[in-house]
Amino acid sequence: MLLSGDNRRGLEEVFDHPRERHVSNPNALAGIRCTADAFASGRLGATLRSSAAIAMSQQLSVAIVIPAHNEERFIGKCLDACLSQTSAPDEIIVVNNKSSDNTVSIVRRYQEENPHIDIRLLNQNEHLGIAPTRNCGFDHARSQIIGRIDADSVVDTDWVETIRQCFQDSAIDAVTGPVHYYDIPLRGPIFRIDRMVRRNLHRTATDQRFLLGANMAIRTSAWQAVRHLTQLDLEDRLHEDIDLALTLFKNNFEIAYESTMVVGASGRRVECSPLDFFATRRVIPGRQRRTASRVVRHV
């Protein structure tokens, strides 16, 4: 719809007297004038979409959660990578799970040497296991996005930046990416194969999605919505990352795969195949397999 000359002048008069409309911010006033021009020329839809994109460009807060059990060999290198990001995380949370080695003292040293970064050390001593330890870290995160890696993960320097870019899409609730194994032979070919398998799996598995615990991120709102549906898995019958992925997918949360969200990991992770989640489906209790108990999706 196009405005007549009289109507357009009327709008311009309103915008030229901001006090009458309680608009004191010059930038806001400029935006209103822009919207009026767009409305007058029939471009309002495009202008509103552009305004939404500008709003989404605000930097999202990101936490990195690292469960750790006797990880003195790896935790220092992991933290070095987290501290060398092109876009710094807002918080780094290491959750110690009954470690008997020097894991705790190493993390405390990083806290002392990096007072400008919010590095927190939590202790989860109630249960021995990755799921309750992850849950402790997720529950204590204050950021809008929770990144999750393992203690032997070495994130690429743009990992946090890539995560922030991914979640600019409000339709995405969780995201995962490829892993390369930095301490095994033929790591280059294996990385290419692994990335191809995971990408194709995400594209072709129409009834499921997957997450990789060594390299994933999730909206805090999505985690809070499904937390009570995830398995504590104290008997270690299933992979906690696959359980979370199945729970999110069954409740209509969107999981994306981002091939540029890259993490290095120890070769000890090779024992877990990206196809494991198909087998894991058989041990998910019925209450999770049913879609009737749908959780309201939060963005």
Protein backbone atom coordinates (compact mmCIF):
# COMPACT_ATOMS: atom_id res chain seq x y z
CA MET A 1 0.00 0.00 0.00
CA LEU A 2 1.33 3.45 -0.96
CA LEU A 3 0.66 6.56 1.07
CA SER A 4 -0.79 9.70 -0.46
CA GLY A 5 1.22 12.93 -0.27
CA ASP A 6 -0.94 14.27 2.58
CA ASN A 7 -0.62 11.08 4.64
CA ARG A 8 3.11 10.96 4.06
CA ARG A 9 3.49 14.59 5.20
CA GLY A 10 1.43 13.73 8.30
CA LEU A 11 3.81 10.94 9.19
CA GLU A 12 6.81 13.19 8.60
CA GLU A 13 5.35 15.79 10.96
CA VAL A 14 5.05 13.16 13.70
CA PHE A 15 8.64 12.05 13.18
CA ASP A 16 9.86 15.67 13.23
CA HIS A 17 8.42 16.08 16.77
CA PRO A 18 9.89 13.18 18.72
CA ARG A 19 8.91 14.51 22.16
CA GLU A 20 5.25 14.14 21.27
CA ARG A 21 5.83 10.40 20.71
CA HIS A 22 8.41 9.90 23.50
CA VAL A 23 11.22 9.15 21.05
CA SER A 24 14.36 10.70 22.49
CA ASN A 25 16.99 8.45 20.89
CA PRO A 26 18.21 9.98 17.58
CA ASN A 27 19.05 6.52 16.27
CA ALA A 28 15.57 5.29 17.09
CA LEU A 29 14.08 8.35 15.39
CA ALA A 30 16.15 7.67 12.29
CA GLY A 31 14.84 4.11 12.30
CA ILE A 32 11.26 5.35 12.53
CA ARG A 33 11.82 7.73 9.61
CA CYS A 34 13.29 4.83 7.64
CA THR A 35 10.22 2.72 8.44
CA ALA A 36 7.91 5.55 7.39
CA ASP A 37 9.74 5.87 4.07
CA ALA A 38 9.51 2.12 3.57
CA PHE A 39 5.81 2.12 4.41
CA ALA A 40 5.23 4.95 1.96
CA SER A 41 7.06 3.13 -0.81
CA GLY A 42 5.60 -0.31 -0.18
CA ARG A 43 8.88 -1.77 1.18
CA LEU A 44 7.74 -2.28 4.77
CA GLY A 45 8.12 -6.07 4.75
CA ALA A 46 11.73 -5.93 3.60
CA THR A 47 12.51 -3.19 6.11
CA LEU A 48 11.06 -5.15 9.02
CA ARG A 49 13.01 -8.24 8.00
CA SER A 50 16.15 -6.11 7.90
CA SER A 51 15.38 -4.70 11.35
CA ALA A 52 14.94 -8.23 12.69
CA ALA A 53 18.29 -9.21 11.23
CA ILE A 54 19.93 -6.23 12.95
CA ALA A 55 18.37 -7.26 16.26
CA MET A 56 19.64 -10.82 15.83
CA SER A 57 23.14 -9.51 15.18
CA GLN A 58 23.53 -8.69 18.88
CA GLN A 59 26.29 -10.92 20.22
CA LEU A 60 24.94 -13.98 21.99
CA SER A 61 26.54 -15.01 25.27
CA VAL A 62 28.30 -18.38 25.13
CA ALA A 63 29.44 -20.72 27.89
CA ILE A 64 31.81 -23.64 27.34
CA VAL A 65 31.14 -26.64 29.59
CA ILE A 66 33.91 -29.23 30.04
CA PRO A 67 33.21 -32.39 32.09
CA ALA A 68 36.46 -33.78 33.52
CA HIS A 69 37.45 -36.99 35.29
CA ASN A 70 41.20 -37.53 35.73
CA GLU A 71 42.10 -35.38 32.71
CA GLU A 72 45.48 -33.97 33.76
CA ARG A 73 46.98 -35.05 30.41
CA PHE A 74 44.49 -33.05 28.34
CA ILE A 75 42.79 -30.28 30.33
CA GLY A 76 45.57 -27.71 29.91
CA LYS A 77 45.62 -27.98 26.12
CA CYS A 78 41.82 -27.86 26.11
CA LEU A 79 41.74 -24.64 28.14
CA ASP A 80 44.49 -23.08 26.02
CA ALA A 81 42.28 -23.53 22.95
CA CYS A 82 39.24 -22.09 24.73
CA LEU A 83 41.28 -19.02 25.69
CA SER A 84 42.61 -18.46 22.16
CA GLN A 85 39.30 -17.73 20.45
CA THR A 86 38.72 -15.02 17.85
CA SER A 87 35.49 -14.32 19.75
CA ALA A 88 35.93 -14.94 23.47
CA PRO A 89 33.46 -17.06 25.41
CA ASP A 90 31.60 -15.42 28.27
CA GLU A 91 32.31 -18.26 30.67
CA ILE A 92 34.31 -21.48 30.80
CA ILE A 93 32.96 -24.09 33.21
CA VAL A 94 35.05 -27.13 34.13
CA VAL A 95 33.06 -29.73 36.04
CA ASN A 96 35.33 -32.00 38.04
CA ASN A 97 33.91 -35.49 38.53
CA LYS A 98 35.79 -37.21 41.35
CA SER A 99 39.24 -36.71 39.85
CA SER A 100 42.13 -38.21 41.82
CA ASP A 101 44.93 -36.72 39.70
CA ASN A 102 46.05 -33.10 39.16
CA THR A 103 43.04 -32.00 37.09
CA VAL A 104 41.73 -29.63 39.77
CA SER A 105 45.09 -27.98 40.48
CA ILE A 106 45.67 -27.39 36.76
CA VAL A 107 42.28 -25.69 36.37
CA ARG A 108 42.94 -23.53 39.43
CA ARG A 109 46.23 -22.41 37.92
CA TYR A 110 44.40 -21.30 34.77
CA GLN A 111 41.95 -19.37 36.94
CA GLU A 112 44.81 -17.52 38.62
CA GLU A 113 46.61 -16.80 35.35
CA ASN A 114 43.47 -15.56 33.55
CA PRO A 115 41.51 -13.38 36.00
CA HIS A 116 39.93 -11.49 33.10
CA ILE A 117 38.07 -14.62 31.98
CA ASP A 118 35.23 -16.22 33.93
CA ILE A 119 36.70 -19.69 34.46
CA ARG A 120 34.67 -21.65 36.99
CA LEU A 121 35.52 -24.95 38.62
CA LEU A 122 32.57 -27.01 39.83
CA ASN A 123 32.61 -30.34 41.64
CA GLN A 124 30.05 -33.01 40.84
CA ASN A 125 30.72 -35.73 43.39
CA GLU A 126 27.29 -37.30 43.76
CA HIS A 127 27.59 -39.66 40.78
CA LEU A 128 30.47 -40.92 38.67
CA GLY A 129 29.49 -40.46 35.04
CA ILE A 130 29.43 -38.09 32.10
CA ALA A 131 25.67 -37.40 32.06
CA PRO A 132 25.32 -36.08 35.64
CA THR A 133 28.59 -34.17 35.25
CA ARG A 134 27.41 -32.55 32.02
CA ASN A 135 24.07 -31.73 33.64
CA CYS A 136 25.82 -29.96 36.50
CA GLY A 137 27.70 -27.72 34.08
CA PHE A 138 24.66 -27.01 31.91
CA ASP A 139 22.56 -26.14 34.95
CA HIS A 140 25.13 -23.62 36.20
CA ALA A 141 25.66 -21.88 32.86
CA ARG A 142 24.43 -18.28 32.77
CA SER A 143 24.82 -17.72 29.03
CA GLN A 144 22.25 -17.93 26.24
CA ILE A 145 24.20 -20.66 24.46
CA ILE A 146 25.96 -23.62 26.07
CA GLY A 147 28.91 -25.07 24.20
CA ARG A 148 29.87 -28.59 25.23
CA ILE A 149 33.22 -30.27 24.65
CA ASP A 150 35.31 -33.01 26.24
CA ALA A 151 38.44 -32.42 28.31
CA ASP A 152 40.56 -33.72 25.44
CA SER A 153 38.86 -31.45 22.89
CA VAL A 154 40.93 -28.77 21.16
CA VAL A 155 38.53 -26.32 19.56
CA ASP A 156 39.49 -24.38 16.43
CA THR A 157 40.23 -20.70 17.06
CA ASP A 158 36.93 -19.62 15.48
CA TRP A 159 34.80 -22.19 17.30
CA VAL A 160 32.92 -19.75 19.54
CA GLU A 161 32.55 -17.29 16.66
CA THR A 162 31.05 -20.02 14.47
CA ILE A 163 28.62 -20.98 17.21
CA ARG A 164 27.46 -17.38 17.58
CA GLN A 165 26.91 -17.17 13.83
CA CYS A 166 24.96 -20.44 13.77
CA PHE A 167 22.55 -19.35 16.48
CA GLN A 168 21.74 -16.11 14.68
CA ASP A 169 19.21 -18.40 13.00
CA SER A 170 16.41 -18.48 15.56
CA ALA A 171 15.16 -21.81 14.15
CA ILE A 172 18.29 -23.62 15.39
CA ASP A 173 18.16 -25.05 18.91
CA ALA A 174 21.37 -27.12 18.89
CA VAL A 175 24.32 -27.61 16.57
CA THR A 176 27.18 -30.05 16.15
CA GLY A 177 30.20 -30.32 13.88
CA PRO A 178 33.05 -32.59 12.76
CA VAL A 179 35.98 -33.87 14.81
CA HIS A 180 39.53 -34.63 13.75
CA TYR A 181 41.69 -36.94 15.85
CA TYR A 182 45.02 -35.27 16.49
CA ASP A 183 46.97 -38.19 17.95
CA ILE A 184 46.37 -41.08 15.55
CA PRO A 185 47.92 -42.08 12.20
CA LEU A 186 46.16 -41.05 8.97
CA ARG A 187 44.27 -38.34 10.84
CA GLY A 188 43.73 -36.31 7.64
CA PRO A 189 41.91 -39.05 5.67
CA ILE A 190 40.04 -40.18 8.79
CA PHE A 191 38.84 -36.61 9.41
CA ARG A 192 37.54 -36.30 5.84
CA ILE A 193 35.73 -39.62 6.10
CA ASP A 194 34.29 -38.78 9.51
CA ARG A 195 33.06 -35.38 8.31
CA MET A 196 31.48 -36.92 5.21
CA VAL A 197 29.74 -39.65 7.22
CA ARG A 198 28.34 -37.22 9.77
CA ARG A 199 27.21 -34.73 7.13
CA ASN A 200 25.47 -37.43 5.09
CA LEU A 201 23.97 -38.95 8.21
CA HIS A 202 22.46 -35.61 9.14
CA ARG A 203 21.08 -35.14 5.63
CA THR A 204 19.64 -38.63 5.15
CA ALA A 205 18.34 -39.54 8.62
CA THR A 206 14.91 -37.99 8.28
CA ASP A 207 13.60 -39.41 11.57
CA GLN A 208 16.58 -38.54 13.79
CA ARG A 209 19.43 -36.10 14.36
CA PHE A 210 22.70 -36.53 16.22
CA LEU A 211 24.96 -34.52 18.51
CA LEU A 212 28.60 -35.20 19.30
CA GLY A 213 29.48 -34.50 22.92
CA ALA A 214 33.03 -33.49 22.04
CA ASN A 215 31.70 -30.76 19.74
CA MET A 216 28.22 -29.35 20.25
CA ALA A 217 26.23 -26.36 21.46
CA ILE A 218 22.66 -25.91 22.62
CA ARG A 219 20.39 -23.02 23.53
CA THR A 220 19.97 -22.76 27.28
CA SER A 221 16.21 -22.48 26.77
CA ALA A 222 16.16 -25.77 24.85
CA TRP A 223 18.20 -27.52 27.53
CA GLN A 224 15.90 -26.28 30.28
CA ALA A 225 12.89 -27.54 28.33
CA VAL A 226 14.14 -31.13 27.90
CA ARG A 227 16.43 -31.59 30.88
CA HIS A 228 13.88 -33.66 32.82
CA LEU A 229 13.50 -36.00 29.84
CA THR A 230 17.18 -36.90 29.49
CA GLN A 231 18.62 -40.05 31.05
CA LEU A 232 21.06 -39.95 33.96
CA ASP A 233 22.46 -43.25 32.63
CA LEU A 234 24.37 -44.31 35.74
CA GLU A 235 24.76 -47.81 34.25
CA ASP A 236 26.42 -46.39 31.12
CA ARG A 237 23.99 -48.09 28.73
CA LEU A 238 23.90 -45.30 26.15
CA HIS A 239 25.89 -42.27 25.04
CA GLU A 240 24.61 -39.15 26.79
CA ASP A 241 25.06 -37.00 23.67
CA ILE A 242 22.95 -39.38 21.58
CA ASP A 243 20.30 -39.46 24.31
CA LEU A 244 20.16 -35.65 24.29
CA ALA A 245 19.93 -35.54 20.50
CA LEU A 246 17.08 -38.05 20.43
CA THR A 247 15.25 -36.21 23.19
CA LEU A 248 15.55 -32.86 21.40
CA PHE A 249 14.46 -34.29 18.07
CA LYS A 250 11.49 -36.19 19.51
CA ASN A 251 10.26 -32.93 21.02
CA ASN A 252 10.52 -30.86 17.84
CA PHE A 253 13.76 -29.01 18.55
CA GLU A 254 15.95 -28.36 15.52
CA ILE A 255 19.50 -29.72 15.44
CA ALA A 256 21.87 -28.41 12.77
CA TYR A 257 25.18 -29.69 11.43
CA GLU A 258 27.87 -27.08 10.77
CA SER A 259 30.89 -28.40 8.86
CA THR A 260 33.05 -25.38 9.80
CA MET A 261 32.54 -25.91 13.55
CA VAL A 262 35.65 -28.05 13.97
CA VAL A 263 37.18 -29.64 17.06
CA GLY A 264 40.24 -31.82 17.55
CA ALA A 265 39.99 -34.76 19.94
CA SER A 266 42.05 -37.65 21.22
CA GLY A 267 41.95 -40.90 19.25
CA ARG A 268 40.37 -42.58 22.26
CA ARG A 269 37.08 -41.19 20.90
CA VAL A 270 37.28 -43.34 17.76
CA GLU A 271 35.66 -46.15 19.71
CA CYS A 272 32.36 -44.26 19.34
CA SER A 273 30.91 -44.48 15.83
CA PRO A 274 28.56 -41.81 14.44
CA LEU A 275 26.21 -44.71 13.66
CA ASP A 276 25.95 -45.61 17.34
CA PHE A 277 22.83 -43.54 17.77
CA PHE A 278 20.80 -46.03 15.70
CA ALA A 279 21.67 -48.78 18.18
CA THR A 280 21.09 -46.44 21.11
CA ARG A 281 17.49 -45.93 20.04
CA ARG A 282 16.77 -49.47 21.21
CA VAL A 283 17.63 -48.67 24.82
CA ILE A 284 15.80 -45.35 25.09
CA PRO A 285 12.84 -45.91 27.45
CA GLY A 286 9.40 -45.74 25.90
CA ARG A 287 8.53 -42.41 27.44
CA GLN A 288 11.24 -40.80 25.32
CA ARG A 289 10.41 -42.68 22.15
CA ARG A 290 6.82 -41.48 22.21
CA THR A 291 6.13 -38.13 20.61
CA ALA A 292 2.94 -37.69 22.61
CA SER A 293 4.81 -36.10 25.52
CA ARG A 294 5.79 -33.15 23.37
CA VAL A 295 7.70 -30.28 24.95
CA VAL A 296 6.89 -26.73 23.93
CA ARG A 297 9.72 -25.40 21.80
CA HIS A 298 11.51 -22.27 23.04
CA VAL A 299 13.53 -19.96 20.80
